[in-house]
Amino acid sequence: MGTQTTGTVKALDPLAIEKQKRITIIVTENPKQVMVIPDMVRLNKFEKHAATWECPQGHPFEISFGAGESPFERERYDHTNAKDLVPRGDAENNCHRPYKYTVTVPGYPALDPGVIVEP
């Protein structure tokens, strides 16, 4: 006699999905370049938006902010820990001043997109 399993599937909370911002790193060979989509991510710290960087192609990568210029707890993250990053409570809100960061993928030119922290 087979085993029967029953259960319920939780519905996805549309607000939780909107709060999770995914930033995709794409690597191309011809021309050899790195692209980031979106190149400017907007996070609202009061709504607890969280950013996650990913490279679906599986390339290792690093994102780094200048010294004292990160809206997050640290200045450097890599493909293993650039996930669910929420802006610090004291990160400056400024729709016109992005926090610039560098995306580095070994063997490819670096790219400098940005993060905007909105009130």
PDB file of N, CA and C in Angstrom:
ATOM      1  N   MET A   1       0.845  -1.169   0.000  1.00  0.00           N
ATOM      2  CA  MET A   1       0.000   0.000   0.000  1.00  0.00           C
ATOM      3  C   MET A   1       0.892   1.234   0.000  1.00  0.00           C
ATOM      4  N   GLY A   2       0.591   2.219  -0.873  1.00  0.00           N
ATOM      5  CA  GLY A   2       1.415   3.420  -1.003  1.00  0.00           C
ATOM      6  C   GLY A   2       1.150   4.403   0.116  1.00  0.00           C
ATOM      7  N   THR A   3       2.094   5.293   0.277  1.00  0.00           N
ATOM      8  CA  THR A   3       1.964   6.345   1.275  1.00  0.00           C
ATOM      9  C   THR A   3       1.320   7.557   0.632  1.00  0.00           C
ATOM     10  N   GLN A   4       0.349   8.142   1.332  1.00  0.00           N
ATOM     11  CA  GLN A   4      -0.324   9.313   0.799  1.00  0.00           C
ATOM     12  C   GLN A   4       0.080  10.521   1.642  1.00  0.00           C
ATOM     13  N   THR A   5       0.486  11.563   0.962  1.00  0.00           N
ATOM     14  CA  THR A   5       0.883  12.780   1.656  1.00  0.00           C
ATOM     15  C   THR A   5      -0.086  13.883   1.278  1.00  0.00           C
ATOM     16  N   THR A   6      -0.556  14.597   2.283  1.00  0.00           N
ATOM     17  CA  THR A   6      -1.437  15.724   2.013  1.00  0.00           C
ATOM     18  C   THR A   6      -0.834  16.946   2.668  1.00  0.00           C
ATOM     19  N   GLY A   7      -1.214  18.069   2.196  1.00  0.00           N
ATOM     20  CA  GLY A   7      -0.707  19.313   2.772  1.00  0.00           C
ATOM     21  C   GLY A   7      -1.241  20.487   1.983  1.00  0.00           C
ATOM     22  N   THR A   8      -0.879  21.658   2.427  1.00  0.00           N
ATOM     23  CA  THR A   8      -1.311  22.856   1.737  1.00  0.00           C
ATOM     24  C   THR A   8      -0.085  23.601   1.242  1.00  0.00           C
ATOM     25  N   VAL A   9      -0.284  24.315   0.197  1.00  0.00           N
ATOM     26  CA  VAL A   9       0.775  25.148  -0.357  1.00  0.00           C
ATOM     27  C   VAL A   9       0.456  26.578   0.017  1.00  0.00           C
ATOM     28  N   LYS A  10       1.435  27.252   0.598  1.00  0.00           N
ATOM     29  CA  LYS A  10       1.225  28.641   0.976  1.00  0.00           C
ATOM     30  C   LYS A  10       1.163  29.510  -0.267  1.00  0.00           C
ATOM     31  N   ALA A  11       0.209  30.426  -0.273  1.00  0.00           N
ATOM     32  CA  ALA A  11       0.125  31.387  -1.367  1.00  0.00           C
ATOM     33  C   ALA A  11       1.256  32.393  -1.204  1.00  0.00           C
ATOM     34  N   LEU A  12       1.818  32.806  -2.320  1.00  0.00           N
ATOM     35  CA  LEU A  12       2.878  33.805  -2.261  1.00  0.00           C
ATOM     36  C   LEU A  12       2.273  35.162  -1.937  1.00  0.00           C
ATOM     37  N   ASP A  13       2.893  35.866  -1.035  1.00  0.00           N
ATOM     38  CA  ASP A  13       2.448  37.196  -0.652  1.00  0.00           C
ATOM     39  C   ASP A  13       2.944  38.188  -1.702  1.00  0.00           C
ATOM     40  N   PRO A  14       2.035  38.827  -2.468  1.00  0.00           N
ATOM     41  CA  PRO A  14       2.475  39.747  -3.515  1.00  0.00           C
ATOM     42  C   PRO A  14       3.321  40.890  -2.963  1.00  0.00           C
ATOM     43  N   LEU A  15       3.050  41.352  -1.750  1.00  0.00           N
ATOM     44  CA  LEU A  15       3.853  42.423  -1.163  1.00  0.00           C
ATOM     45  C   LEU A  15       5.264  41.947  -0.872  1.00  0.00           C
ATOM     46  N   ALA A  16       5.421  40.709  -0.437  1.00  0.00           N
ATOM     47  CA  ALA A  16       6.757  40.175  -0.169  1.00  0.00           C
ATOM     48  C   ALA A  16       7.552  40.069  -1.463  1.00  0.00           C
ATOM     49  N   ILE A  17       6.886  39.694  -2.557  1.00  0.00           N
ATOM     50  CA  ILE A  17       7.567  39.595  -3.843  1.00  0.00           C
ATOM     51  C   ILE A  17       8.040  40.974  -4.282  1.00  0.00           C
ATOM     52  N   GLU A  18       7.204  41.996  -4.142  1.00  0.00           N
ATOM     53  CA  GLU A  18       7.570  43.350  -4.537  1.00  0.00           C
ATOM     54  C   GLU A  18       8.725  43.881  -3.701  1.00  0.00           C
ATOM     55  N   LYS A  19       8.855  43.440  -2.465  1.00  0.00           N
ATOM     56  CA  LYS A  19       9.916  43.921  -1.591  1.00  0.00           C
ATOM     57  C   LYS A  19      11.262  43.291  -1.917  1.00  0.00           C
ATOM     58  N   GLN A  20      11.261  42.149  -2.594  1.00  0.00           N
ATOM     59  CA  GLN A  20      12.502  41.463  -2.970  1.00  0.00           C
ATOM     60  C   GLN A  20      12.931  41.964  -4.347  1.00  0.00           C
ATOM     61  N   LYS A  21      14.038  42.682  -4.397  1.00  0.00           N
ATOM     62  CA  LYS A  21      14.550  43.229  -5.654  1.00  0.00           C
ATOM     63  C   LYS A  21      15.679  42.331  -6.144  1.00  0.00           C
ATOM     64  N   ARG A  22      15.512  41.772  -7.322  1.00  0.00           N
ATOM     65  CA  ARG A  22      16.531  40.889  -7.904  1.00  0.00           C
ATOM     66  C   ARG A  22      17.352  41.672  -8.919  1.00  0.00           C
ATOM     67  N   ILE A  23      18.658  41.577  -8.778  1.00  0.00           N
ATOM     68  CA  ILE A  23      19.585  42.212  -9.704  1.00  0.00           C
ATOM     69  C   ILE A  23      20.330  41.086 -10.403  1.00  0.00           C
ATOM     70  N   THR A  24      20.203  41.031 -11.723  1.00  0.00           N
ATOM     71  CA  THR A  24      20.772  39.945 -12.503  1.00  0.00           C
ATOM     72  C   THR A  24      22.057  40.395 -13.180  1.00  0.00           C
ATOM     73  N   ILE A  25      23.110  39.612 -12.993  1.00  0.00           N
ATOM     74  CA  ILE A  25      24.399  39.878 -13.624  1.00  0.00           C
ATOM     75  C   ILE A  25      24.516  38.935 -14.821  1.00  0.00           C
ATOM     76  N   ILE A  26      24.654  39.528 -16.005  1.00  0.00           N
ATOM     77  CA  ILE A  26      24.767  38.765 -17.253  1.00  0.00           C
ATOM     78  C   ILE A  26      26.176  38.963 -17.808  1.00  0.00           C
ATOM     79  N   VAL A  27      26.802  37.871 -18.227  1.00  0.00           N
ATOM     80  CA  VAL A  27      28.145  37.909 -18.795  1.00  0.00           C
ATOM     81  C   VAL A  27      28.046  37.500 -20.256  1.00  0.00           C
ATOM     82  N   THR A  28      28.645  38.304 -21.153  1.00  0.00           N
ATOM     83  CA  THR A  28      28.659  37.959 -22.570  1.00  0.00           C
ATOM     84  C   THR A  28      30.101  37.784 -23.038  1.00  0.00           C
ATOM     85  N   GLU A  29      30.268  37.006 -24.082  1.00  0.00           N
ATOM     86  CA  GLU A  29      31.596  36.702 -24.614  1.00  0.00           C
ATOM     87  C   GLU A  29      31.983  37.568 -25.806  1.00  0.00           C
ATOM     88  N   ASN A  30      30.998  37.960 -26.627  1.00  0.00           N
ATOM     89  CA  ASN A  30      31.331  38.722 -27.818  1.00  0.00           C
ATOM     90  C   ASN A  30      30.332  39.847 -27.997  1.00  0.00           C
ATOM     91  N   PRO A  31      30.572  41.029 -27.482  1.00  0.00           N
ATOM     92  CA  PRO A  31      31.806  41.458 -26.838  1.00  0.00           C
ATOM     93  C   PRO A  31      31.894  40.950 -25.403  1.00  0.00           C
ATOM     94  N   LYS A  32      33.093  40.877 -24.910  1.00  0.00           N
ATOM     95  CA  LYS A  32      33.345  40.398 -23.552  1.00  0.00           C
ATOM     96  C   LYS A  32      32.953  41.518 -22.580  1.00  0.00           C
ATOM     97  N   GLN A  33      31.822  41.330 -21.899  1.00  0.00           N
ATOM     98  CA  GLN A  33      31.339  42.381 -21.002  1.00  0.00           C
ATOM     99  C   GLN A  33      30.425  41.815 -19.922  1.00  0.00           C
ATOM    100  N   VAL A  34      30.174  42.673 -18.944  1.00  0.00           N
ATOM    101  CA  VAL A  34      29.263  42.362 -17.850  1.00  0.00           C
ATOM    102  C   VAL A  34      28.113  43.362 -17.932  1.00  0.00           C
ATOM    103  N   MET A  35      26.889  42.872 -17.810  1.00  0.00           N
ATOM    104  CA  MET A  35      25.712  43.733 -17.757  1.00  0.00           C
ATOM    105  C   MET A  35      24.987  43.457 -16.443  1.00  0.00           C
ATOM    106  N   VAL A  36      24.348  44.478 -15.906  1.00  0.00           N
ATOM    107  CA  VAL A  36      23.573  44.340 -14.677  1.00  0.00           C
ATOM    108  C   VAL A  36      22.166  44.855 -14.960  1.00  0.00           C
ATOM    109  N   ILE A  37      21.172  44.029 -14.657  1.00  0.00           N
ATOM    110  CA  ILE A  37      19.777  44.387 -14.906  1.00  0.00           C
ATOM    111  C   ILE A  37      18.994  44.288 -13.607  1.00  0.00           C
ATOM    112  N   PRO A  38      18.401  45.367 -13.119  1.00  0.00           N
ATOM    113  CA  PRO A  38      18.514  46.728 -13.614  1.00  0.00           C
ATOM    114  C   PRO A  38      19.856  47.344 -13.208  1.00  0.00           C
ATOM    115  N   ASP A  39      20.305  48.318 -13.994  1.00  0.00           N
ATOM    116  CA  ASP A  39      21.595  48.942 -13.670  1.00  0.00           C
ATOM    117  C   ASP A  39      21.469  49.931 -12.514  1.00  0.00           C
ATOM    118  N   MET A  40      20.254  50.358 -12.217  1.00  0.00           N
ATOM    119  CA  MET A  40      20.016  51.222 -11.061  1.00  0.00           C
ATOM    120  C   MET A  40      18.835  50.625 -10.296  1.00  0.00           C
ATOM    121  N   VAL A  41      19.113  50.042  -9.131  1.00  0.00           N
ATOM    122  CA  VAL A  41      18.052  49.430  -8.332  1.00  0.00           C
ATOM    123  C   VAL A  41      17.590  50.430  -7.280  1.00  0.00           C
ATOM    124  N   ARG A  42      16.284  50.488  -7.074  1.00  0.00           N
ATOM    125  CA  ARG A  42      15.700  51.404  -6.081  1.00  0.00           C
ATOM    126  C   ARG A  42      15.182  50.584  -4.905  1.00  0.00           C
ATOM    127  N   LEU A  43      15.653  50.945  -3.718  1.00  0.00           N
ATOM    128  CA  LEU A  43      15.233  50.260  -2.499  1.00  0.00           C
ATOM    129  C   LEU A  43      14.602  51.263  -1.550  1.00  0.00           C
ATOM    130  N   ASN A  44      13.486  50.894  -0.962  1.00  0.00           N
ATOM    131  CA  ASN A  44      12.845  51.734   0.039  1.00  0.00           C
ATOM    132  C   ASN A  44      13.115  51.099   1.392  1.00  0.00           C
ATOM    133  N   LYS A  45      13.916  51.778   2.209  1.00  0.00           N
ATOM    134  CA  LYS A  45      14.313  51.160   3.477  1.00  0.00           C
ATOM    135  C   LYS A  45      13.159  51.081   4.475  1.00  0.00           C
ATOM    136  N   PHE A  46      12.197  51.987   4.388  1.00  0.00           N
ATOM    137  CA  PHE A  46      11.085  51.946   5.331  1.00  0.00           C
ATOM    138  C   PHE A  46      10.107  50.820   4.997  1.00  0.00           C
ATOM    139  N   GLU A  47      10.079  50.416   3.722  1.00  0.00           N
ATOM    140  CA  GLU A  47       9.252  49.280   3.319  1.00  0.00           C
ATOM    141  C   GLU A  47      10.044  47.979   3.363  1.00  0.00           C
ATOM    142  N   LYS A  48      11.293  48.067   3.854  1.00  0.00           N
ATOM    143  CA  LYS A  48      12.167  46.896   4.040  1.00  0.00           C
ATOM    144  C   LYS A  48      12.438  46.148   2.735  1.00  0.00           C
ATOM    145  N   HIS A  49      12.670  46.911   1.654  1.00  0.00           N
ATOM    146  CA  HIS A  49      13.069  46.273   0.404  1.00  0.00           C
ATOM    147  C   HIS A  49      14.412  45.582   0.606  1.00  0.00           C
ATOM    148  N   ALA A  50      14.580  44.429  -0.005  1.00  0.00           N
ATOM    149  CA  ALA A  50      15.830  43.671   0.081  1.00  0.00           C
ATOM    150  C   ALA A  50      16.341  43.402  -1.332  1.00  0.00           C
ATOM    151  N   ALA A  51      17.654  43.493  -1.509  1.00  0.00           N
ATOM    152  CA  ALA A  51      18.272  43.269  -2.819  1.00  0.00           C
ATOM    153  C   ALA A  51      19.034  41.954  -2.819  1.00  0.00           C
ATOM    154  N   THR A  52      18.913  41.219  -3.925  1.00  0.00           N
ATOM    155  CA  THR A  52      19.659  39.980  -4.123  1.00  0.00           C
ATOM    156  C   THR A  52      20.292  40.014  -5.503  1.00  0.00           C
ATOM    157  N   TRP A  53      21.608  39.858  -5.547  1.00  0.00           N
ATOM    158  CA  TRP A  53      22.343  39.792  -6.807  1.00  0.00           C
ATOM    159  C   TRP A  53      22.521  38.331  -7.177  1.00  0.00           C
ATOM    160  N   GLU A  54      22.368  38.023  -8.469  1.00  0.00           N
ATOM    161  CA  GLU A  54      22.548  36.656  -8.927  1.00  0.00           C
ATOM    162  C   GLU A  54      23.078  36.658 -10.355  1.00  0.00           C
ATOM    163  N   CYS A  55      23.828  35.624 -10.673  1.00  0.00           N
ATOM    164  CA  CYS A  55      24.325  35.420 -12.033  1.00  0.00           C
ATOM    165  C   CYS A  55      23.832  34.050 -12.475  1.00  0.00           C
ATOM    166  N   PRO A  56      22.754  34.005 -13.280  1.00  0.00           N
ATOM    167  CA  PRO A  56      22.181  32.717 -13.675  1.00  0.00           C
ATOM    168  C   PRO A  56      23.164  31.838 -14.447  1.00  0.00           C
ATOM    169  N   GLN A  57      24.221  32.432 -14.992  1.00  0.00           N
ATOM    170  CA  GLN A  57      25.217  31.662 -15.734  1.00  0.00           C
ATOM    171  C   GLN A  57      26.209  30.968 -14.805  1.00  0.00           C
ATOM    172  N   GLY A  58      26.156  31.282 -13.519  1.00  0.00           N
ATOM    173  CA  GLY A  58      26.996  30.610 -12.536  1.00  0.00           C
ATOM    174  C   GLY A  58      28.380  31.191 -12.357  1.00  0.00           C
ATOM    175  N   HIS A  59      28.673  32.333 -12.959  1.00  0.00           N
ATOM    176  CA  HIS A  59      29.986  32.950 -12.773  1.00  0.00           C
ATOM    177  C   HIS A  59      30.120  33.500 -11.353  1.00  0.00           C
ATOM    178  N   PRO A  60      31.284  33.332 -10.730  1.00  0.00           N
ATOM    179  CA  PRO A  60      31.497  33.986  -9.436  1.00  0.00           C
ATOM    180  C   PRO A  60      31.599  35.492  -9.677  1.00  0.00           C
ATOM    181  N   PHE A  61      31.139  36.270  -8.721  1.00  0.00           N
ATOM    182  CA  PHE A  61      31.214  37.726  -8.861  1.00  0.00           C
ATOM    183  C   PHE A  61      31.382  38.351  -7.488  1.00  0.00           C
ATOM    184  N   GLU A  62      31.764  39.624  -7.507  1.00  0.00           N
ATOM    185  CA  GLU A  62      31.867  40.408  -6.275  1.00  0.00           C
ATOM    186  C   GLU A  62      31.246  41.767  -6.548  1.00  0.00           C
ATOM    187  N   ILE A  63      30.536  42.292  -5.553  1.00  0.00           N
ATOM    188  CA  ILE A  63      30.076  43.673  -5.618  1.00  0.00           C
ATOM    189  C   ILE A  63      30.776  44.407  -4.490  1.00  0.00           C
ATOM    190  N   SER A  64      31.249  45.616  -4.786  1.00  0.00           N
ATOM    191  CA  SER A  64      31.968  46.371  -3.754  1.00  0.00           C
ATOM    192  C   SER A  64      31.629  47.861  -3.853  1.00  0.00           C
ATOM    193  N   PHE A  65      31.442  48.440  -2.689  1.00  0.00           N
ATOM    194  CA  PHE A  65      31.181  49.868  -2.547  1.00  0.00           C
ATOM    195  C   PHE A  65      32.455  50.519  -2.041  1.00  0.00           C
ATOM    196  N   GLY A  66      32.614  51.803  -2.277  1.00  0.00           N
ATOM    197  CA  GLY A  66      33.767  52.527  -1.756  1.00  0.00           C
ATOM    198  C   GLY A  66      33.734  52.557  -0.231  1.00  0.00           C
ATOM    199  N   ALA A  67      34.883  52.859   0.362  1.00  0.00           N
ATOM    200  CA  ALA A  67      34.990  52.917   1.831  1.00  0.00           C
ATOM    201  C   ALA A  67      33.964  53.903   2.394  1.00  0.00           C
ATOM    202  N   GLY A  68      33.119  53.412   3.279  1.00  0.00           N
ATOM    203  CA  GLY A  68      32.088  54.238   3.904  1.00  0.00           C
ATOM    204  C   GLY A  68      30.945  54.611   2.966  1.00  0.00           C
ATOM    205  N   GLU A  69      30.859  53.994   1.798  1.00  0.00           N
ATOM    206  CA  GLU A  69      29.849  54.360   0.801  1.00  0.00           C
ATOM    207  C   GLU A  69      28.770  53.310   0.588  1.00  0.00           C
ATOM    208  N   SER A  70      28.697  52.292   1.420  1.00  0.00           N
ATOM    209  CA  SER A  70      27.701  51.245   1.227  1.00  0.00           C
ATOM    210  C   SER A  70      26.422  51.564   1.998  1.00  0.00           C
ATOM    211  N   PRO A  71      25.258  51.373   1.372  1.00  0.00           N
ATOM    212  CA  PRO A  71      24.012  51.539   2.112  1.00  0.00           C
ATOM    213  C   PRO A  71      23.688  50.300   2.953  1.00  0.00           C
ATOM    214  N   PHE A  72      24.530  49.254   2.815  1.00  0.00           N
ATOM    215  CA  PHE A  72      24.325  47.999   3.532  1.00  0.00           C
ATOM    216  C   PHE A  72      25.337  47.889   4.679  1.00  0.00           C
ATOM    217  N   GLU A  73      25.302  46.810   5.409  1.00  0.00           N
ATOM    218  CA  GLU A  73      26.172  46.630   6.567  1.00  0.00           C
ATOM    219  C   GLU A  73      27.657  46.536   6.208  1.00  0.00           C
ATOM    220  N   ARG A  74      27.957  45.986   5.026  1.00  0.00           N
ATOM    221  CA  ARG A  74      29.354  45.815   4.631  1.00  0.00           C
ATOM    222  C   ARG A  74      29.618  46.506   3.306  1.00  0.00           C
ATOM    223  N   GLU A  75      30.884  46.615   2.951  1.00  0.00           N
ATOM    224  CA  GLU A  75      31.261  47.252   1.688  1.00  0.00           C
ATOM    225  C   GLU A  75      31.454  46.249   0.558  1.00  0.00           C
ATOM    226  N   ARG A  76      31.662  44.957   0.899  1.00  0.00           N
ATOM    227  CA  ARG A  76      31.907  43.935  -0.126  1.00  0.00           C
ATOM    228  C   ARG A  76      31.020  42.715   0.099  1.00  0.00           C
ATOM    229  N   TYR A  77      30.521  42.206  -1.024  1.00  0.00           N
ATOM    230  CA  TYR A  77      29.735  40.966  -1.015  1.00  0.00           C
ATOM    231  C   TYR A  77      30.151  40.166  -2.239  1.00  0.00           C
ATOM    232  N   ASP A  78      29.929  38.857  -2.196  1.00  0.00           N
ATOM    233  CA  ASP A  78      30.213  38.037  -3.373  1.00  0.00           C
ATOM    234  C   ASP A  78      29.001  37.174  -3.708  1.00  0.00           C
ATOM    235  N   HIS A  79      29.188  36.282  -4.688  1.00  0.00           N
ATOM    236  CA  HIS A  79      28.079  35.461  -5.172  1.00  0.00           C
ATOM    237  C   HIS A  79      27.473  34.566  -4.095  1.00  0.00           C
ATOM    238  N   THR A  80      28.174  34.363  -2.997  1.00  0.00           N
ATOM    239  CA  THR A  80      27.636  33.511  -1.938  1.00  0.00           C
ATOM    240  C   THR A  80      26.819  34.278  -0.909  1.00  0.00           C
ATOM    241  N   ASN A  81      27.049  35.602  -0.797  1.00  0.00           N
ATOM    242  CA  ASN A  81      26.366  36.325   0.280  1.00  0.00           C
ATOM    243  C   ASN A  81      25.697  37.633  -0.155  1.00  0.00           C
ATOM    244  N   ALA A  82      25.604  37.907  -1.440  1.00  0.00           N
ATOM    245  CA  ALA A  82      24.929  39.120  -1.917  1.00  0.00           C
ATOM    246  C   ALA A  82      23.436  38.839  -2.055  1.00  0.00           C
ATOM    247  N   LYS A  83      22.842  38.461  -0.935  1.00  0.00           N
ATOM    248  CA  LYS A  83      21.447  38.028  -0.934  1.00  0.00           C
ATOM    249  C   LYS A  83      20.675  38.691   0.214  1.00  0.00           C
ATOM    250  N   ASP A  84      19.462  39.081  -0.075  1.00  0.00           N
ATOM    251  CA  ASP A  84      18.557  39.650   0.932  1.00  0.00           C
ATOM    252  C   ASP A  84      19.194  40.795   1.709  1.00  0.00           C
ATOM    253  N   LEU A  85      19.872  41.694   1.005  1.00  0.00           N
ATOM    254  CA  LEU A  85      20.524  42.839   1.645  1.00  0.00           C
ATOM    255  C   LEU A  85      19.523  43.975   1.806  1.00  0.00           C
ATOM    256  N   VAL A  86      19.355  44.416   3.039  1.00  0.00           N
ATOM    257  CA  VAL A  86      18.426  45.492   3.372  1.00  0.00           C
ATOM    258  C   VAL A  86      19.250  46.717   3.736  1.00  0.00           C
ATOM    259  N   PRO A  87      18.891  47.906   3.232  1.00  0.00           N
ATOM    260  CA  PRO A  87      19.647  49.103   3.592  1.00  0.00           C
ATOM    261  C   PRO A  87      19.668  49.327   5.106  1.00  0.00           C
ATOM    262  N   ARG A  88      20.813  49.815   5.588  1.00  0.00           N
ATOM    263  CA  ARG A  88      20.944  50.163   7.010  1.00  0.00           C
ATOM    264  C   ARG A  88      19.923  51.249   7.362  1.00  0.00           C
ATOM    265  N   GLY A  89      19.528  51.286   8.599  1.00  0.00           N
ATOM    266  CA  GLY A  89      18.590  52.309   9.052  1.00  0.00           C
ATOM    267  C   GLY A  89      19.125  53.712   8.884  1.00  0.00           C
ATOM    268  N   ASP A  90      20.449  53.884   8.960  1.00  0.00           N
ATOM    269  CA  ASP A  90      21.041  55.213   8.835  1.00  0.00           C
ATOM    270  C   ASP A  90      21.531  55.524   7.418  1.00  0.00           C
ATOM    271  N   ALA A  91      21.206  54.660   6.443  1.00  0.00           N
ATOM    272  CA  ALA A  91      21.593  54.929   5.048  1.00  0.00           C
ATOM    273  C   ALA A  91      20.840  56.162   4.570  1.00  0.00           C
ATOM    274  N   GLU A  92      21.555  57.056   3.920  1.00  0.00           N
ATOM    275  CA  GLU A  92      20.969  58.306   3.456  1.00  0.00           C
ATOM    276  C   GLU A  92      19.934  58.051   2.367  1.00  0.00           C
ATOM    277  N   ASN A  93      18.761  58.673   2.516  1.00  0.00           N
ATOM    278  CA  ASN A  93      17.710  58.610   1.493  1.00  0.00           C
ATOM    279  C   ASN A  93      17.980  59.734   0.505  1.00  0.00           C
ATOM    280  N   ASN A  94      18.162  59.389  -0.760  1.00  0.00           N
ATOM    281  CA  ASN A  94      18.359  60.425  -1.756  1.00  0.00           C
ATOM    282  C   ASN A  94      18.070  59.836  -3.126  1.00  0.00           C
ATOM    283  N   CYS A  95      16.961  60.238  -3.700  1.00  0.00           N
ATOM    284  CA  CYS A  95      16.564  59.721  -5.009  1.00  0.00           C
ATOM    285  C   CYS A  95      17.519  60.169  -6.115  1.00  0.00           C
ATOM    286  N   HIS A  96      18.316  61.204  -5.858  1.00  0.00           N
ATOM    287  CA  HIS A  96      19.179  61.764  -6.885  1.00  0.00           C
ATOM    288  C   HIS A  96      20.654  61.400  -6.704  1.00  0.00           C
ATOM    289  N   ARG A  97      20.992  60.745  -5.612  1.00  0.00           N
ATOM    290  CA  ARG A  97      22.379  60.370  -5.370  1.00  0.00           C
ATOM    291  C   ARG A  97      22.485  58.862  -5.178  1.00  0.00           C
ATOM    292  N   PRO A  98      22.822  58.146  -6.237  1.00  0.00           N
ATOM    293  CA  PRO A  98      22.944  56.691  -6.084  1.00  0.00           C
ATOM    294  C   PRO A  98      24.220  56.305  -5.338  1.00  0.00           C
ATOM    295  N   TYR A  99      24.151  55.202  -4.653  1.00  0.00           N
ATOM    296  CA  TYR A  99      25.341  54.578  -4.082  1.00  0.00           C
ATOM    297  C   TYR A  99      25.961  53.780  -5.222  1.00  0.00           C
ATOM    298  N   LYS A 100      27.085  54.234  -5.738  1.00  0.00           N
ATOM    299  CA  LYS A 100      27.749  53.531  -6.836  1.00  0.00           C
ATOM    300  C   LYS A 100      28.504  52.330  -6.271  1.00  0.00           C
ATOM    301  N   TYR A 101      28.514  51.254  -7.025  1.00  0.00           N
ATOM    302  CA  TYR A 101      29.257  50.063  -6.635  1.00  0.00           C
ATOM    303  C   TYR A 101      29.865  49.438  -7.876  1.00  0.00           C
ATOM    304  N   THR A 102      30.829  48.570  -7.670  1.00  0.00           N
ATOM    305  CA  THR A 102      31.516  47.916  -8.779  1.00  0.00           C
ATOM    306  C   THR A 102      31.181  46.433  -8.770  1.00  0.00           C
ATOM    307  N   VAL A 103      30.812  45.922  -9.944  1.00  0.00           N
ATOM    308  CA  VAL A 103      30.594  44.493 -10.125  1.00  0.00           C
ATOM    309  C   VAL A 103      31.833  43.950 -10.826  1.00  0.00           C
ATOM    310  N   THR A 104      32.450  42.948 -10.197  1.00  0.00           N
ATOM    311  CA  THR A 104      33.648  42.335 -10.764  1.00  0.00           C
ATOM    312  C   THR A 104      33.395  40.856 -11.001  1.00  0.00           C
ATOM    313  N   VAL A 105      33.621  40.427 -12.230  1.00  0.00           N
ATOM    314  CA  VAL A 105      33.565  39.011 -12.608  1.00  0.00           C
ATOM    315  C   VAL A 105      34.960  38.693 -13.142  1.00  0.00           C
ATOM    316  N   PRO A 106      35.669  37.720 -12.561  1.00  0.00           N
ATOM    317  CA  PRO A 106      37.031  37.425 -13.015  1.00  0.00           C
ATOM    318  C   PRO A 106      37.107  37.210 -14.531  1.00  0.00           C
ATOM    319  N   GLY A 107      38.058  37.930 -15.155  1.00  0.00           N
ATOM    320  CA  GLY A 107      38.272  37.791 -16.588  1.00  0.00           C
ATOM    321  C   GLY A 107      37.426  38.711 -17.452  1.00  0.00           C
ATOM    322  N   TYR A 108      36.618  39.595 -16.835  1.00  0.00           N
ATOM    323  CA  TYR A 108      35.745  40.497 -17.572  1.00  0.00           C
ATOM    324  C   TYR A 108      35.939  41.918 -17.069  1.00  0.00           C
ATOM    325  N   PRO A 109      35.667  42.923 -17.915  1.00  0.00           N
ATOM    326  CA  PRO A 109      35.774  44.307 -17.449  1.00  0.00           C
ATOM    327  C   PRO A 109      34.758  44.574 -16.336  1.00  0.00           C
ATOM    328  N   ALA A 110      35.159  45.382 -15.365  1.00  0.00           N
ATOM    329  CA  ALA A 110      34.272  45.743 -14.245  1.00  0.00           C
ATOM    330  C   ALA A 110      33.172  46.686 -14.732  1.00  0.00           C
ATOM    331  N   LEU A 111      32.095  46.735 -13.988  1.00  0.00           N
ATOM    332  CA  LEU A 111      30.954  47.596 -14.309  1.00  0.00           C
ATOM    333  C   LEU A 111      30.554  48.342 -13.042  1.00  0.00           C
ATOM    334  N   ASP A 112      30.095  49.596 -13.201  1.00  0.00           N
ATOM    335  CA  ASP A 112      29.753  50.432 -12.051  1.00  0.00           C
ATOM    336  C   ASP A 112      28.294  50.901 -12.083  1.00  0.00           C
ATOM    337  N   PRO A 113      27.353  50.038 -11.693  1.00  0.00           N
ATOM    338  CA  PRO A 113      25.952  50.459 -11.591  1.00  0.00           C
ATOM    339  C   PRO A 113      25.698  51.168 -10.249  1.00  0.00           C
ATOM    340  N   GLY A 114      24.430  51.265  -9.832  1.00  0.00           N
ATOM    341  CA  GLY A 114      24.143  51.974  -8.589  1.00  0.00           C
ATOM    342  C   GLY A 114      22.910  51.455  -7.861  1.00  0.00           C
ATOM    343  N   VAL A 115      22.801  51.917  -6.610  1.00  0.00           N
ATOM    344  CA  VAL A 115      21.654  51.616  -5.746  1.00  0.00           C
ATOM    345  C   VAL A 115      21.125  52.954  -5.249  1.00  0.00           C
ATOM    346  N   ILE A 116      19.828  53.154  -5.358  1.00  0.00           N
ATOM    347  CA  ILE A 116      19.193  54.360  -4.809  1.00  0.00           C
ATOM    348  C   ILE A 116      18.361  53.931  -3.618  1.00  0.00           C
ATOM    349  N   VAL A 117      18.567  54.610  -2.496  1.00  0.00           N
ATOM    350  CA  VAL A 117      17.769  54.362  -1.294  1.00  0.00           C
ATOM    351  C   VAL A 117      16.726  55.465  -1.219  1.00  0.00           C
ATOM    352  N   GLU A 118      15.465  55.049  -1.278  1.00  0.00           N
ATOM    353  CA  GLU A 118      14.364  56.011  -1.268  1.00  0.00           C
ATOM    354  C   GLU A 118      13.734  56.083   0.109  1.00  0.00           C
ATOM    355  N   PRO A 119      13.209  57.265   0.415  1.00  0.00           N
ATOM    356  CA  PRO A 119      12.489  57.414   1.700  1.00  0.00           C
ATOM    357  C   PRO A 119      11.168  56.681   1.674  1.00  0.00           C
TER     358      PRO A 119
END
